[in-house]
């Protein structure tokens, strides 16, 4: 196991200790929490992050997996958000070309939805609101001759193509956690913050591990990055001083569901389809053999956002809307997998869930110069989207520095995420997508014994960290036993040792999507291996 995830003694303070255990306690192991922990650790702060489940267990592994500006947000005049997201696309693509890459989107024109001139204006703005170096601009296409037209109904003869990016969302979260840990942060998974009391000189927090251990931690500042649980954390877990209110805003919880079906088309473009309800859905190449379709927007109520699941109406809706465009209709029986994520959107009084802003708000309370008795700093993250996580984290770290009276320089723009620096393999970077292909060729040259499919999968997952998985192996036998086809002990050991993976779902559905390619018996064998390895680690600890 990663010592940074299991060394609980380092996170435990002696009763009444005058020095805090850490500078900043971050609650929440999704993309925002891990991004903030990484940024703060890189600025030299002592950071402790706790997550009650696995990293990226909820919203951050249940997105549409796009790095995009949000073309449809232009209709809601969200120009600032779109500009910010567009600017971040290429920053992110350059930082981790193994888990992110450019993707071309085809929009078949449906005159009943939006006139062509409106689409062209929108795409012109999308092309020019932020600087582009890597991604090509938009253009019109003839679907009667373009390869993207073949899977579509013949009435769609005209279309537009534009650029955005793809991301392995759960791996993006894990890479931020790895980088945070490498820079000194302590990352505790399956550890819940059960109480946080604001004191005159900081926060006293109680952390409860899954096995029943209770840890007492002191922190100078607290970051609430609990996503869909952020409001509940303020109202039920974080304890204010007398007469103080911590929860000042409300979230709207909007469920976005996706379906995965057998591959609907052979080319490498994605589709954006306009629906009669003025919403859009995407159809995206996924895991080689599949197509990912989503998303819905369904407002939910209740105390447990983690319980949200796709329902029959959502499946029917996604199949129906995709079937408006594809020659081969989709039916609920075609769905091989589905997932739902709950977006924590800041309540802006919009009636339509699709119109609720996807921008974020950082709410700071307390700290130096607050003018309210200099209460211990609290920073709450409201809303946000995966594309802007780095900028959100940078803004959050700036704000924490202001609250603590210790401004420290930003650093993440232009930096690589773990595995993203391929220069030791291929020399100076050129274009992120081309750099990855050069890296893959070099990996196959150095390890010609790796089967091509396995080499590409390992390259995509781990980038330049792939040697941490392969080690000194000179043949497949050097990777240990093959637990299931294409998955060897060496990879599972790496995921346990360095990526906080302890259970089958951690490996099969978050660190990878191998679950889509394995049958039930094979998935069970992965779980059994992890369980046995965990017992062995406990016995030798």
Protein backbone atom coordinates (compact mmCIF):
# COMPACT_ATOMS: atom_id res chain seq x y z
CA UNK A 1 0.00 0.00 0.00
CA UNK A 2 1.11 3.59 -0.54
CA UNK A 3 2.55 4.74 2.79
CA UNK A 4 1.06 8.15 2.19
CA UNK A 5 -2.39 6.57 2.30
CA UNK A 6 -1.89 4.33 5.32
CA UNK A 7 0.56 6.06 7.68
CA UNK A 8 -2.14 7.29 10.00
CA UNK A 9 0.20 7.96 12.91
CA UNK A 10 1.59 10.96 11.05
CA UNK A 11 -1.91 12.41 10.87
CA UNK A 12 -2.65 12.06 14.57
CA UNK A 13 -1.97 14.94 16.92
CA UNK A 14 -1.30 14.62 20.63
CA UNK A 15 -4.16 16.03 22.73
CA UNK A 16 -3.72 19.74 23.17
CA UNK A 17 -0.76 19.95 20.79
CA UNK A 18 -0.04 23.65 20.19
CA UNK A 19 1.24 23.11 16.64
CA UNK A 20 -1.28 22.04 13.97
CA UNK A 21 -0.76 18.74 12.20
CA UNK A 22 -1.06 20.45 8.88
CA UNK A 23 -1.53 23.82 7.32
CA UNK A 24 -4.59 22.83 5.30
CA UNK A 25 -7.09 20.00 5.67
CA UNK A 26 -8.86 19.30 2.37
CA UNK A 27 -12.12 17.36 2.63
CA UNK A 28 -13.05 15.59 -0.60
CA UNK A 29 -11.07 13.39 -2.99
CA UNK A 30 -12.70 14.37 -6.25
CA UNK A 31 -11.08 16.46 -8.95
CA UNK A 32 -11.38 19.75 -7.09
CA UNK A 33 -10.10 18.41 -3.77
CA UNK A 34 -7.16 16.58 -5.33
CA UNK A 35 -6.35 19.54 -7.59
CA UNK A 36 -6.34 21.93 -4.63
CA UNK A 37 -4.22 19.55 -2.52
CA UNK A 38 -1.72 19.28 -5.37
CA UNK A 39 -1.48 23.04 -5.88
CA UNK A 40 -1.12 23.77 -2.16
CA UNK A 41 1.49 21.06 -1.65
CA UNK A 42 3.47 22.42 -4.58
CA UNK A 43 3.51 25.81 -2.84
CA UNK A 44 5.06 24.26 0.25
CA UNK A 45 1.99 23.99 2.47
CA UNK A 46 1.57 20.93 4.70
CA UNK A 47 -1.58 19.35 3.31
CA UNK A 48 -3.80 16.51 4.48
CA UNK A 49 -6.58 15.30 2.17
CA UNK A 50 -9.28 12.91 3.35
CA UNK A 51 -11.87 11.14 1.21
CA UNK A 52 -14.57 8.93 2.72
CA UNK A 53 -14.56 6.54 -0.26
CA UNK A 54 -12.07 5.92 -3.06
CA UNK A 55 -10.62 8.78 -5.05
CA UNK A 56 -13.02 9.92 -7.80
CA UNK A 57 -15.73 7.61 -6.47
CA UNK A 58 -18.62 9.86 -7.40
CA UNK A 59 -19.04 12.89 -9.69
CA UNK A 60 -15.43 12.98 -10.87
CA UNK A 61 -15.56 9.52 -12.42
CA UNK A 62 -19.05 9.98 -13.84
CA UNK A 63 -18.61 12.84 -16.28
CA UNK A 64 -18.95 12.81 -20.06
CA UNK A 65 -15.12 12.72 -20.01
CA UNK A 66 -14.61 15.84 -22.06
CA UNK A 67 -12.16 18.70 -21.83
CA UNK A 68 -14.35 21.30 -23.46
CA UNK A 69 -15.36 24.91 -23.40
CA UNK A 70 -19.05 24.10 -23.36
CA UNK A 71 -20.42 25.11 -26.75
CA UNK A 72 -24.02 25.10 -25.55
CA UNK A 73 -23.23 27.49 -22.68
CA UNK A 74 -22.95 30.27 -25.27
CA UNK A 75 -26.73 30.17 -25.60
CA UNK A 76 -26.97 31.08 -21.91
CA UNK A 77 -24.46 33.95 -22.37
CA UNK A 78 -21.87 32.24 -20.17
CA UNK A 79 -19.05 33.88 -22.11
CA UNK A 80 -16.70 34.18 -19.14
CA UNK A 81 -17.04 30.48 -18.28
CA UNK A 82 -16.61 29.40 -21.90
CA UNK A 83 -13.53 31.60 -22.36
CA UNK A 84 -11.97 30.26 -19.15
CA UNK A 85 -12.68 26.65 -20.12
CA UNK A 86 -11.42 27.13 -23.68
CA UNK A 87 -8.17 28.58 -22.37
CA UNK A 88 -7.71 25.57 -20.09
CA UNK A 89 -8.20 22.95 -22.82
CA UNK A 90 -4.72 23.20 -24.26
CA UNK A 91 -3.06 23.74 -20.88
CA UNK A 92 -4.51 20.39 -19.80
CA UNK A 93 -3.84 18.58 -23.07
CA UNK A 94 -0.16 19.47 -22.81
CA UNK A 95 0.08 18.44 -19.16
CA UNK A 96 -0.93 14.81 -19.61
CA UNK A 97 -1.05 13.65 -23.26
CA UNK A 98 -1.41 10.03 -22.17
CA UNK A 99 -4.85 10.51 -20.56
CA UNK A 100 -6.06 13.51 -22.61
CA UNK A 101 -6.15 14.03 -26.34
CA UNK A 102 -7.85 16.18 -29.01
CA UNK A 103 -11.20 15.02 -30.33
CA UNK A 104 -13.16 16.29 -33.34
CA UNK A 105 -16.92 16.66 -32.91
CA UNK A 106 -19.48 16.45 -35.70
CA UNK A 107 -22.76 18.36 -35.36
CA UNK A 108 -25.31 17.24 -37.96
CA UNK A 109 -27.41 20.24 -38.90
CA UNK A 110 -31.06 20.01 -38.03
CA UNK A 111 -32.80 23.16 -39.29
CA UNK A 112 -35.70 22.55 -36.91
CA UNK A 113 -33.36 23.00 -33.95
CA UNK A 114 -31.13 25.98 -34.77
CA UNK A 115 -30.59 27.79 -38.08
CA UNK A 116 -27.22 27.29 -39.78
CA UNK A 117 -26.23 30.95 -39.35
CA UNK A 118 -26.68 30.67 -35.59
CA UNK A 119 -24.52 27.55 -35.45
CA UNK A 120 -21.81 29.24 -37.53
CA UNK A 121 -21.77 32.30 -35.24
CA UNK A 122 -21.54 30.06 -32.19
CA UNK A 123 -18.66 28.08 -33.66
CA UNK A 124 -16.87 31.29 -34.70
CA UNK A 125 -17.03 32.50 -31.10
CA UNK A 126 -15.92 29.08 -29.88
CA UNK A 127 -12.90 29.23 -32.16
CA UNK A 128 -11.86 32.74 -31.13
CA UNK A 129 -12.78 33.33 -27.48
CA UNK A 130 -9.42 31.88 -26.42
CA UNK A 131 -6.06 31.25 -28.05
CA UNK A 132 -5.56 27.90 -29.82
CA UNK A 133 -2.22 26.30 -30.63
CA UNK A 134 -3.05 22.60 -30.83
CA UNK A 135 -6.72 22.30 -31.70
CA UNK A 136 -7.90 23.02 -35.27
CA UNK A 137 -10.84 25.33 -35.87
CA UNK A 138 -14.36 24.54 -37.01
CA UNK A 139 -15.64 24.10 -40.56
CA UNK A 140 -18.68 22.94 -42.47
CA UNK A 141 -18.81 19.42 -43.92
CA UNK A 142 -20.90 17.50 -46.45
CA UNK A 143 -22.22 14.46 -44.61
CA UNK A 144 -23.04 12.80 -47.92
CA UNK A 145 -19.29 12.36 -48.56
CA UNK A 146 -17.65 12.73 -45.11
CA UNK A 147 -17.02 9.46 -43.22
CA UNK A 148 -19.01 10.78 -40.27
CA UNK A 149 -22.15 10.81 -42.42
CA UNK A 150 -22.24 7.04 -43.04
CA UNK A 151 -23.83 6.03 -39.67
CA UNK A 152 -26.42 8.84 -39.88
CA UNK A 153 -29.85 8.93 -41.44
CA UNK A 154 -29.79 10.26 -45.02
CA UNK A 155 -31.78 13.39 -44.16
CA UNK A 156 -28.71 14.73 -42.38
CA UNK A 157 -26.71 15.88 -45.37
CA UNK A 158 -24.97 18.91 -43.88
CA UNK A 159 -22.98 19.36 -40.71
CA UNK A 160 -20.23 21.16 -38.85
CA UNK A 161 -17.05 19.88 -37.22
CA UNK A 162 -15.15 21.51 -34.34
CA UNK A 163 -12.53 20.59 -31.72
CA UNK A 164 -12.51 19.79 -28.04
CA UNK A 165 -10.69 17.20 -25.96
CA UNK A 166 -11.17 13.84 -24.26
CA UNK A 167 -10.00 12.95 -20.74
CA UNK A 168 -9.94 9.83 -18.59
CA UNK A 169 -11.62 11.66 -15.73
CA UNK A 170 -10.93 9.22 -12.88
CA UNK A 171 -7.27 8.90 -13.82
CA UNK A 172 -7.01 12.68 -13.91
CA UNK A 173 -8.09 12.73 -10.25
CA UNK A 174 -5.60 10.02 -9.30
CA UNK A 175 -2.74 11.79 -11.07
CA UNK A 176 -3.45 14.94 -9.09
CA UNK A 177 -3.40 12.90 -5.87
CA UNK A 178 -0.12 11.21 -6.87
CA UNK A 179 1.48 14.60 -7.55
CA UNK A 180 0.12 16.03 -4.29
CA UNK A 181 1.61 13.09 -2.37
CA UNK A 182 4.93 13.39 -4.19
CA UNK A 183 5.06 17.03 -3.05
CA UNK A 184 4.46 16.12 0.58
CA UNK A 185 0.68 15.92 0.98
CA UNK A 186 -0.86 13.10 3.00
CA UNK A 187 -3.74 11.40 1.19
CA UNK A 188 -6.14 9.32 3.28
CA UNK A 189 -8.76 7.40 1.32
CA UNK A 190 -11.75 5.71 2.92
CA UNK A 191 -11.38 8.19 5.77
CA UNK A 192 -14.36 10.36 6.62
CA UNK A 193 -14.24 13.76 8.25
CA UNK A 194 -16.89 13.18 10.91
CA UNK A 195 -16.49 16.51 12.71
CA UNK A 196 -14.62 19.77 12.27
CA UNK A 197 -14.67 22.37 15.05
CA UNK A 198 -13.60 25.92 14.37
CA UNK A 199 -11.21 27.14 17.05
CA UNK A 200 -9.57 30.50 17.65
CA UNK A 201 -6.30 29.36 16.08
CA UNK A 202 -7.42 26.76 13.55
CA UNK A 203 -9.62 23.71 13.07
CA UNK A 204 -9.85 20.58 15.19
CA UNK A 205 -11.08 17.73 12.99
CA UNK A 206 -12.05 14.16 13.72
CA UNK A 207 -11.37 11.64 10.97
CA UNK A 208 -12.88 8.16 11.03
CA UNK A 209 -11.29 5.41 9.00
CA UNK A 210 -13.21 2.55 7.48
CA UNK A 211 -11.76 0.05 9.95
CA UNK A 212 -12.95 2.06 12.95
CA UNK A 213 -9.87 4.09 13.85
CA UNK A 214 -10.51 7.67 14.97
CA UNK A 215 -7.92 10.34 14.27
CA UNK A 216 -7.68 13.80 15.75
CA UNK A 217 -6.18 16.36 13.41
CA UNK A 218 -5.46 20.05 13.76
CA UNK A 219 -5.25 22.33 10.74
CA UNK A 220 -4.71 26.04 10.27
CA UNK A 221 -7.26 26.14 7.43
CA UNK A 222 -10.06 23.95 6.13
CA UNK A 223 -11.08 23.44 2.48
CA UNK A 224 -14.55 22.04 1.87
CA UNK A 225 -14.31 20.33 -1.53
CA UNK A 226 -17.01 17.76 -0.81
CA UNK A 227 -18.80 18.29 -4.13
CA UNK A 228 -22.47 17.26 -3.85
CA UNK A 229 -21.97 16.99 -0.09
CA UNK A 230 -20.47 20.50 0.33
CA UNK A 231 -23.65 22.11 1.65
CA UNK A 232 -24.38 19.16 3.93
CA UNK A 233 -20.83 19.26 5.29
CA UNK A 234 -21.30 22.88 6.35
CA UNK A 235 -24.71 22.29 7.85
CA UNK A 236 -24.00 19.01 9.64
CA UNK A 237 -20.27 18.33 10.07
CA UNK A 238 -18.38 21.61 10.32
CA UNK A 239 -19.11 23.25 13.65
CA UNK A 240 -19.00 27.05 13.82
CA UNK A 241 -18.27 29.21 16.82
CA UNK A 242 -21.33 30.52 18.65
CA UNK A 243 -23.62 32.69 16.56
CA UNK A 244 -21.82 31.95 13.28
CA UNK A 245 -23.39 30.52 10.12
CA UNK A 246 -21.13 28.50 7.82
CA UNK A 247 -23.64 27.53 5.12
CA UNK A 248 -24.62 30.66 3.21
CA UNK A 249 -25.52 29.15 -0.17
CA UNK A 250 -27.46 26.26 -1.60
CA UNK A 251 -26.64 23.64 -4.21
CA UNK A 252 -28.87 22.22 -6.89
CA UNK A 253 -28.04 18.57 -7.39
CA UNK A 254 -28.46 17.56 -11.02
CA UNK A 255 -28.05 13.95 -12.07
CA UNK A 256 -26.29 13.33 -15.35
CA UNK A 257 -26.61 9.78 -16.64
CA UNK A 258 -24.78 8.01 -19.46
CA UNK A 259 -25.17 4.75 -21.33
CA UNK A 260 -22.55 2.61 -23.05
CA UNK A 261 -23.57 0.55 -26.09
CA UNK A 262 -21.68 -1.55 -28.65
CA UNK A 263 -19.79 0.61 -31.12
CA UNK A 264 -22.14 2.58 -33.38
CA UNK A 265 -19.50 3.81 -35.85
CA UNK A 266 -15.95 2.98 -36.88
CA UNK A 267 -14.33 6.41 -37.30
CA UNK A 268 -12.61 8.44 -34.56
CA UNK A 269 -14.91 11.49 -34.50
CA UNK A 270 -17.54 12.11 -31.83
CA UNK A 271 -21.05 13.50 -32.38
CA UNK A 272 -23.00 16.27 -30.73
CA UNK A 273 -26.74 15.88 -31.33
CA UNK A 274 -29.34 18.64 -30.85
CA UNK A 275 -32.58 17.46 -29.25
CA UNK A 276 -36.11 18.88 -29.58
CA UNK A 277 -36.03 19.89 -25.88
CA UNK A 278 -33.12 22.25 -26.75
CA UNK A 279 -30.66 20.05 -24.92
CA UNK A 280 -27.75 18.21 -26.53
CA UNK A 281 -26.26 14.75 -26.11
CA UNK A 282 -22.87 13.40 -27.14
CA UNK A 283 -22.03 10.09 -28.81
CA UNK A 284 -18.34 9.38 -28.27
CA UNK A 285 -15.96 6.56 -29.27
CA UNK A 286 -15.27 4.66 -26.04
CA UNK A 287 -12.81 1.95 -25.05
CA UNK A 288 -12.37 0.78 -28.64
CA UNK A 289 -15.42 -1.46 -28.82
CA UNK A 290 -18.12 0.87 -27.50
CA UNK A 291 -19.93 4.18 -27.85
CA UNK A 292 -20.62 6.42 -24.85
CA UNK A 293 -23.87 8.41 -25.00
CA UNK A 294 -24.94 11.14 -22.59
CA UNK A 295 -25.93 13.07 -20.71
CA UNK A 296 -29.25 13.74 -19.03
CA UNK A 297 -30.10 16.61 -16.65
CA UNK A 298 -32.43 15.48 -13.88
CA UNK A 299 -32.72 17.47 -10.68
CA UNK A 300 -32.71 15.25 -7.60
CA UNK A 301 -33.61 15.59 -3.96
CA UNK A 302 -32.48 13.65 -0.90
CA UNK A 303 -29.71 13.39 1.63
CA UNK A 304 -27.48 10.92 -0.24
CA UNK A 305 -26.37 12.06 -3.69
CA UNK A 306 -24.23 8.94 -3.91
CA UNK A 307 -27.37 6.83 -4.21
CA UNK A 308 -28.34 8.37 -7.56
CA UNK A 309 -28.75 5.83 -10.36
CA UNK A 310 -29.92 5.99 -13.94
CA UNK A 311 -33.60 5.16 -14.34
CA UNK A 312 -35.57 3.61 -17.18
CA UNK A 313 -36.84 6.97 -18.41
CA UNK A 314 -33.29 8.30 -18.79
CA UNK A 315 -32.18 5.20 -20.69
CA UNK A 316 -35.19 5.51 -22.98
CA UNK A 317 -34.50 9.23 -23.50
CA UNK A 318 -30.86 8.70 -24.50
CA UNK A 319 -31.76 5.84 -26.84
CA UNK A 320 -34.58 7.83 -28.41
CA UNK A 321 -32.51 10.96 -29.00
CA UNK A 322 -29.56 9.06 -30.45
CA UNK A 323 -31.94 7.11 -32.68
CA UNK A 324 -33.19 10.38 -34.19
CA UNK A 325 -29.79 10.59 -35.89
CA UNK A 326 -28.35 7.08 -36.29
CA UNK A 327 -29.53 4.82 -39.11
CA UNK A 328 -29.40 1.86 -36.74
CA UNK A 329 -31.79 2.61 -33.87
CA UNK A 330 -30.71 2.08 -30.29
CA UNK A 331 -32.86 0.24 -27.78
CA UNK A 332 -32.54 -0.11 -24.00
CA UNK A 333 -31.59 -3.76 -24.53
CA UNK A 334 -28.42 -2.57 -26.33
CA UNK A 335 -27.04 -0.91 -23.17
CA UNK A 336 -24.08 -2.85 -21.75
CA UNK A 337 -23.22 -0.44 -18.94
CA UNK A 338 -24.49 2.82 -17.50
CA UNK A 339 -23.46 5.29 -14.85
CA UNK A 340 -24.77 8.43 -13.18
CA UNK A 341 -23.00 11.37 -11.60
CA UNK A 342 -24.46 14.16 -9.53
CA UNK A 343 -23.32 17.64 -10.49
CA UNK A 344 -23.21 20.05 -7.54
CA UNK A 345 -24.41 23.21 -9.28
CA UNK A 346 -24.64 26.52 -7.48
CA UNK A 347 -28.29 27.48 -7.19
CA UNK A 348 -28.78 30.54 -9.41
CA UNK A 349 -32.60 30.37 -9.50
CA UNK A 350 -32.68 29.02 -13.07
CA UNK A 351 -35.83 27.03 -13.73
CA UNK A 352 -34.22 24.62 -16.21
CA UNK A 353 -31.47 22.39 -14.76
CA UNK A 354 -29.66 22.61 -18.11
CA UNK A 355 -29.45 26.38 -17.70
CA UNK A 356 -27.88 26.34 -14.21
CA UNK A 357 -24.37 27.77 -14.40
CA UNK A 358 -21.45 25.31 -14.53
CA UNK A 359 -19.05 27.95 -13.25
CA UNK A 360 -17.54 27.73 -9.80
CA UNK A 361 -17.56 30.02 -6.80
CA UNK A 362 -14.97 29.99 -4.02
CA UNK A 363 -16.43 31.26 -0.76
CA UNK A 364 -13.85 32.32 1.81
CA UNK A 365 -14.71 32.85 5.47
CA UNK A 366 -12.24 33.94 8.14
CA UNK A 367 -8.50 34.41 7.92
CA UNK A 368 -6.19 37.40 7.93
CA UNK A 369 -7.93 40.69 7.32
CA UNK A 370 -11.39 39.15 7.43
CA UNK A 371 -12.58 41.83 9.85
CA UNK A 372 -14.77 39.35 11.71
CA UNK A 373 -12.53 38.49 14.62
CA UNK A 374 -10.00 36.69 12.41
CA UNK A 375 -11.71 33.31 12.53
CA UNK A 376 -9.81 30.27 11.31
CA UNK A 377 -9.88 30.15 7.49
CA UNK A 378 -12.59 28.16 5.73
CA UNK A 379 -12.82 27.87 1.95
CA UNK A 380 -15.83 26.21 0.33
CA UNK A 381 -15.89 25.16 -3.32
CA UNK A 382 -19.31 25.65 -4.89
CA UNK A 383 -19.95 24.14 -8.31
CA UNK A 384 -17.34 23.76 -11.02
CA UNK A 385 -16.60 21.49 -13.99
CA UNK A 386 -13.74 19.17 -14.74
CA UNK A 387 -12.26 21.34 -17.51
CA UNK A 388 -11.62 24.26 -15.15
CA UNK A 389 -10.34 22.23 -12.19
CA UNK A 390 -6.72 23.46 -12.52
CA UNK A 391 -7.73 27.11 -12.61
CA UNK A 392 -10.16 26.53 -9.73
CA UNK A 393 -7.35 24.91 -7.71
CA UNK A 394 -5.00 27.78 -8.49
CA UNK A 395 -7.60 30.35 -7.41
CA UNK A 396 -8.30 28.32 -4.27
CA UNK A 397 -4.62 28.12 -3.34
CA UNK A 398 -4.27 31.86 -3.91
CA UNK A 399 -7.22 32.45 -1.61
CA UNK A 400 -5.90 30.14 1.11
CA UNK A 401 -2.61 32.02 0.96
CA UNK A 402 -4.45 35.30 1.40
CA UNK A 403 -6.43 33.91 4.33
CA UNK A 404 -3.27 32.65 6.01
CA UNK A 405 -1.33 35.82 5.21
CA UNK A 406 1.26 33.80 3.26
CA UNK A 407 0.94 34.47 -0.44
CA UNK A 408 2.95 31.94 -2.44
CA UNK A 409 3.45 31.80 -6.18
CA UNK A 410 1.22 29.76 -8.50
CA UNK A 411 3.02 27.01 -10.41
CA UNK A 412 0.72 24.50 -12.12
CA UNK A 413 0.24 26.22 -15.50
CA UNK A 414 2.79 24.66 -17.81
CA UNK A 415 3.64 21.83 -15.40
CA UNK A 416 3.16 18.15 -16.20
CA UNK A 417 0.94 15.76 -14.35
CA UNK A 418 2.56 12.44 -13.35
CA UNK A 419 3.34 10.42 -16.46
CA UNK A 420 2.77 13.40 -18.75
CA UNK A 421 6.40 14.39 -19.28
CA UNK A 422 7.45 12.14 -22.15
CA UNK A 423 10.70 13.96 -22.92
CA UNK A 424 12.96 11.23 -21.49
CA UNK A 425 11.43 8.90 -24.07
CA UNK A 426 10.94 11.11 -27.12
CA UNK A 427 12.87 14.35 -26.58
CA UNK A 428 11.30 17.80 -26.71
CA UNK A 429 7.48 17.89 -26.93
CA UNK A 430 5.79 18.98 -30.15
CA UNK A 431 2.04 18.28 -30.25
CA UNK A 432 0.42 16.34 -27.40
CA UNK A 433 -1.37 13.83 -29.65
CA UNK A 434 1.66 13.23 -31.86
CA UNK A 435 3.91 13.06 -28.79
CA UNK A 436 1.88 10.21 -27.37
CA UNK A 437 2.12 8.20 -30.58
CA UNK A 438 5.91 8.75 -30.62
CA UNK A 439 6.04 7.62 -27.00
CA UNK A 440 4.06 4.49 -27.80
CA UNK A 441 6.45 3.61 -30.63
CA UNK A 442 9.40 4.03 -28.30
CA UNK A 443 7.76 1.92 -25.60
CA UNK A 444 7.19 -0.86 -28.13
CA UNK A 445 10.78 -0.55 -29.33
CA UNK A 446 12.20 -0.86 -25.80
CA UNK A 447 9.76 -3.60 -24.79
CA UNK A 448 9.09 -5.43 -28.06
CA UNK A 449 7.85 -8.43 -26.07
CA UNK A 450 4.75 -6.52 -24.92
CA UNK A 451 1.64 -7.45 -26.94
CA UNK A 452 0.58 -4.36 -28.95
CA UNK A 453 -2.82 -4.05 -27.26
CA UNK A 454 -1.29 -4.26 -23.78
CA UNK A 455 1.46 -1.79 -24.70
CA UNK A 456 -1.08 0.79 -25.83
CA UNK A 457 -3.25 0.30 -22.75
CA UNK A 458 -0.32 0.66 -20.36
CA UNK A 459 0.97 3.69 -22.28
CA UNK A 460 -2.43 5.37 -22.10
CA UNK A 461 -2.87 4.65 -18.40
CA UNK A 462 0.59 5.41 -17.04
CA UNK A 463 2.49 7.48 -19.59
CA UNK A 464 6.14 7.88 -18.65
CA UNK A 465 5.46 6.14 -15.33
CA UNK A 466 4.94 2.89 -17.23
CA UNK A 467 8.35 1.61 -16.12
CA UNK A 468 7.04 1.64 -12.54
CA UNK A 469 4.60 -1.03 -13.71
CA UNK A 470 6.91 -2.99 -16.01
CA UNK A 471 9.95 -2.78 -13.74
CA UNK A 472 12.82 -4.93 -14.93
CA UNK A 473 10.63 -7.39 -16.83
CA UNK A 474 12.09 -8.69 -20.08
CA UNK A 475 9.17 -10.93 -20.98
CA UNK A 476 5.52 -11.35 -19.94
CA UNK A 477 6.60 -13.81 -17.25
CA UNK A 478 8.48 -10.96 -15.57
CA UNK A 479 5.15 -9.22 -14.89
CA UNK A 480 4.05 -12.04 -12.59
CA UNK A 481 0.96 -14.15 -12.92
CA UNK A 482 -1.66 -13.14 -15.50
CA UNK A 483 -4.67 -12.74 -13.21
CA UNK A 484 -7.10 -12.22 -16.11
CA UNK A 485 -6.33 -11.75 -19.81
CA UNK A 486 -4.03 -8.75 -20.21
CA UNK A 487 -3.81 -7.95 -16.48
CA UNK A 488 -0.70 -9.08 -14.63
CA UNK A 489 0.27 -9.04 -10.97
CA UNK A 490 2.84 -6.29 -11.56
CA UNK A 491 0.12 -3.83 -12.57
CA UNK A 492 -2.14 -4.69 -9.65
CA UNK A 493 0.79 -4.38 -7.25
CA UNK A 494 1.59 -0.97 -8.69
CA UNK A 495 -2.04 0.18 -8.31
CA UNK A 496 -2.06 -0.95 -4.68
CA UNK A 497 1.35 0.50 -3.92
CA UNK A 498 1.10 3.88 -5.62
CA UNK A 499 -2.52 4.63 -6.53
CA UNK A 500 -4.54 3.80 -3.40
CA UNK A 501 -6.43 0.94 -5.10
CA UNK A 502 -7.76 -1.64 -2.66
CA UNK A 503 -10.89 -3.08 -4.27
CA UNK A 504 -12.03 -4.48 -7.57
CA UNK A 505 -14.10 -1.40 -8.47
CA UNK A 506 -11.10 0.85 -7.81
CA UNK A 507 -9.17 -1.03 -10.49
CA UNK A 508 -11.88 -2.09 -12.93
CA UNK A 509 -14.03 1.05 -13.09
CA UNK A 510 -11.87 3.97 -11.91
CA UNK A 511 -8.14 3.32 -12.45
CA UNK A 512 -9.23 1.66 -15.70
CA UNK A 513 -12.36 0.59 -17.54
CA UNK A 514 -11.27 -3.02 -17.72
CA UNK A 515 -14.64 -3.96 -16.26
CA UNK A 516 -16.16 -3.39 -19.70
CA UNK A 517 -13.84 -5.95 -21.28
CA UNK A 518 -13.99 -8.70 -18.64
CA UNK A 519 -16.78 -11.10 -17.76
CA UNK A 520 -18.21 -11.49 -14.27
CA UNK A 521 -15.89 -14.36 -13.37
CA UNK A 522 -12.81 -12.44 -14.49
CA UNK A 523 -13.86 -9.36 -12.54
CA UNK A 524 -14.31 -11.53 -9.48
CA UNK A 525 -10.76 -12.91 -9.89
CA UNK A 526 -9.34 -9.39 -9.83
CA UNK A 527 -11.27 -8.71 -6.62
CA UNK A 528 -10.09 -11.95 -5.05
CA UNK A 529 -6.46 -11.14 -5.85
CA UNK A 530 -6.77 -7.68 -4.29
CA UNK A 531 -8.43 -9.11 -1.18
CA UNK A 532 -5.71 -11.72 -0.76
CA UNK A 533 -2.97 -9.16 -1.32
CA UNK A 534 -4.52 -6.86 1.29
CA UNK A 535 -4.53 -9.70 3.85
CA UNK A 536 -0.91 -10.48 3.08
CA UNK A 537 0.07 -6.83 3.50
CA UNK A 538 -1.73 -6.68 6.84
CA UNK A 539 0.02 -9.82 8.08
CA UNK A 540 3.46 -8.52 7.11
CA UNK A 541 2.93 -4.97 8.38
